[in-house]
Amino acid sequence: MSDAPARVVFTTGFSRRYTGGVTEFAIEAKTLRGVIKAMDALYPGLGDHLEEETTVAIDGELHEVGYFQPVKPGAEVFFIPKIEGG
């Protein structure tokens, strides 16, 4: 079994606001919460934005942002900004 880190991807607009334009990261974590904590360590405060403002797709399957979704080695984790109604 591979121990490859997960590939974490943000949209361009989200990355401009929160990560200085960086859209992809290699993060080692076993759960979605681990991914969020690792991103928050890189960009303090980002974890709250990820939890409140995004939906996540793990290997193409949509999830509400939560804590215990498993993240397999080499998985793609794509954070998608929620569409706000108005």
C-alpha atoms as a PDB file:
ATOM      1  CA  MET A   1       0.000   0.000   0.000  1.00  0.00           C
ATOM      2  CA  SER A   2       1.276   3.444  -0.915  1.00  0.00           C
ATOM      3  CA  ASP A   3       1.974   6.090   1.698  1.00  0.00           C
ATOM      4  CA  ALA A   4       1.590   8.899  -0.831  1.00  0.00           C
ATOM      5  CA  PRO A   5       0.253  12.124   0.634  1.00  0.00           C
ATOM      6  CA  ALA A   6      -3.198  13.303  -0.348  1.00  0.00           C
ATOM      7  CA  ARG A   7      -3.385  15.933  -3.078  1.00  0.00           C
ATOM      8  CA  VAL A   8      -5.381  18.845  -1.652  1.00  0.00           C
ATOM      9  CA  VAL A   9      -6.816  21.251  -4.229  1.00  0.00           C
ATOM     10  CA  PHE A  10      -8.490  24.658  -3.869  1.00  0.00           C
ATOM     11  CA  THR A  11     -10.258  26.748  -6.486  1.00  0.00           C
ATOM     12  CA  THR A  12      -8.348  29.752  -7.784  1.00  0.00           C
ATOM     13  CA  GLY A  13     -10.659  32.266  -6.082  1.00  0.00           C
ATOM     14  CA  PHE A  14     -10.492  30.489  -2.715  1.00  0.00           C
ATOM     15  CA  SER A  15      -6.711  30.166  -2.931  1.00  0.00           C
ATOM     16  CA  ARG A  16      -6.328  33.864  -3.753  1.00  0.00           C
ATOM     17  CA  ARG A  17      -8.234  34.767  -0.602  1.00  0.00           C
ATOM     18  CA  TYR A  18      -6.572  32.353   1.814  1.00  0.00           C
ATOM     19  CA  THR A  19      -3.308  30.825   0.555  1.00  0.00           C
ATOM     20  CA  GLY A  20      -1.677  33.557  -1.496  1.00  0.00           C
ATOM     21  CA  GLY A  21      -2.772  31.884  -4.726  1.00  0.00           C
ATOM     22  CA  VAL A  22      -1.367  28.403  -4.021  1.00  0.00           C
ATOM     23  CA  THR A  23      -3.962  25.902  -5.295  1.00  0.00           C
ATOM     24  CA  GLU A  24      -2.390  22.479  -4.578  1.00  0.00           C
ATOM     25  CA  PHE A  25      -0.802  20.905  -1.522  1.00  0.00           C
ATOM     26  CA  ALA A  26       0.538  17.463  -0.592  1.00  0.00           C
ATOM     27  CA  ILE A  27      -0.842  16.653   2.859  1.00  0.00           C
ATOM     28  CA  GLU A  28      -0.367  13.483   4.885  1.00  0.00           C
ATOM     29  CA  ALA A  29      -3.504  12.725   6.884  1.00  0.00           C
ATOM     30  CA  LYS A  30      -5.769   9.745   7.492  1.00  0.00           C
ATOM     31  CA  THR A  31      -9.028  11.721   7.860  1.00  0.00           C
ATOM     32  CA  LEU A  32     -10.547  14.896   6.503  1.00  0.00           C
ATOM     33  CA  ARG A  33     -10.109  16.478   9.936  1.00  0.00           C
ATOM     34  CA  GLY A  34      -6.388  15.722   9.682  1.00  0.00           C
ATOM     35  CA  VAL A  35      -6.266  17.482   6.314  1.00  0.00           C
ATOM     36  CA  ILE A  36      -8.066  20.520   7.752  1.00  0.00           C
ATOM     37  CA  LYS A  37      -5.748  20.636  10.779  1.00  0.00           C
ATOM     38  CA  ALA A  38      -2.667  20.401   8.540  1.00  0.00           C
ATOM     39  CA  MET A  39      -3.949  23.232   6.324  1.00  0.00           C
ATOM     40  CA  ASP A  40      -4.731  25.312   9.417  1.00  0.00           C
ATOM     41  CA  ALA A  41      -1.157  24.763  10.628  1.00  0.00           C
ATOM     42  CA  LEU A  42       0.156  26.088   7.295  1.00  0.00           C
ATOM     43  CA  TYR A  43      -2.312  28.998   7.175  1.00  0.00           C
ATOM     44  CA  PRO A  44      -3.605  29.830  10.681  1.00  0.00           C
ATOM     45  CA  GLY A  45      -7.356  30.379  10.620  1.00  0.00           C
ATOM     46  CA  LEU A  46      -7.845  28.537   7.322  1.00  0.00           C
ATOM     47  CA  GLY A  47      -9.422  25.532   9.053  1.00  0.00           C
ATOM     48  CA  ASP A  48     -12.439  27.608  10.114  1.00  0.00           C
ATOM     49  CA  HIS A  49     -12.914  28.862   6.549  1.00  0.00           C
ATOM     50  CA  LEU A  50     -12.680  25.317   5.178  1.00  0.00           C
ATOM     51  CA  GLU A  51     -15.283  24.062   7.651  1.00  0.00           C
ATOM     52  CA  GLU A  52     -17.700  26.969   7.168  1.00  0.00           C
ATOM     53  CA  GLU A  53     -17.296  27.923   3.514  1.00  0.00           C
ATOM     54  CA  THR A  54     -16.663  24.723   1.571  1.00  0.00           C
ATOM     55  CA  THR A  55     -17.988  21.355   0.543  1.00  0.00           C
ATOM     56  CA  VAL A  56     -15.370  18.703  -0.121  1.00  0.00           C
ATOM     57  CA  ALA A  57     -14.937  16.006  -2.737  1.00  0.00           C
ATOM     58  CA  ILE A  58     -12.688  13.090  -1.804  1.00  0.00           C
ATOM     59  CA  ASP A  59     -11.720  11.150  -4.930  1.00  0.00           C
ATOM     60  CA  GLY A  60     -14.732  12.668  -6.693  1.00  0.00           C
ATOM     61  CA  GLU A  61     -17.312  11.861  -3.989  1.00  0.00           C
ATOM     62  CA  LEU A  62     -18.988  14.904  -2.408  1.00  0.00           C
ATOM     63  CA  HIS A  63     -19.157  15.271   1.385  1.00  0.00           C
ATOM     64  CA  GLU A  64     -20.146  17.986   3.781  1.00  0.00           C
ATOM     65  CA  VAL A  65     -16.999  19.079   5.584  1.00  0.00           C
ATOM     66  CA  GLY A  66     -16.704  16.869   8.644  1.00  0.00           C
ATOM     67  CA  TYR A  67     -14.101  15.207  10.756  1.00  0.00           C
ATOM     68  CA  PHE A  68     -13.998  11.493  10.172  1.00  0.00           C
ATOM     69  CA  GLN A  69     -14.216  10.906   6.433  1.00  0.00           C
ATOM     70  CA  PRO A  70     -11.214   8.705   5.615  1.00  0.00           C
ATOM     71  CA  VAL A  71      -8.527  10.043   3.305  1.00  0.00           C
ATOM     72  CA  LYS A  72      -6.640   7.222   1.605  1.00  0.00           C
ATOM     73  CA  PRO A  73      -2.977   7.586   0.615  1.00  0.00           C
ATOM     74  CA  GLY A  74      -2.786   9.380  -2.718  1.00  0.00           C
ATOM     75  CA  ALA A  75      -6.398  10.603  -2.534  1.00  0.00           C
ATOM     76  CA  GLU A  76      -7.491  13.848  -4.173  1.00  0.00           C
ATOM     77  CA  VAL A  77      -9.248  16.182  -1.737  1.00  0.00           C
ATOM     78  CA  PHE A  78     -10.919  19.087  -3.513  1.00  0.00           C
ATOM     79  CA  PHE A  79     -12.425  21.909  -1.449  1.00  0.00           C
ATOM     80  CA  ILE A  80     -15.310  23.604  -3.264  1.00  0.00           C
ATOM     81  CA  PRO A  81     -16.650  26.969  -2.076  1.00  0.00           C
ATOM     82  CA  LYS A  82     -20.324  26.788  -1.125  1.00  0.00           C
ATOM     83  CA  ILE A  83     -22.665  28.791  -3.318  1.00  0.00           C
ATOM     84  CA  GLU A  84     -24.375  31.422  -1.250  1.00  0.00           C
ATOM     85  CA  GLY A  85     -28.031  32.141  -1.866  1.00  0.00           C
ATOM     86  CA  GLY A  86     -29.271  35.682  -1.985  1.00  0.00           C
END
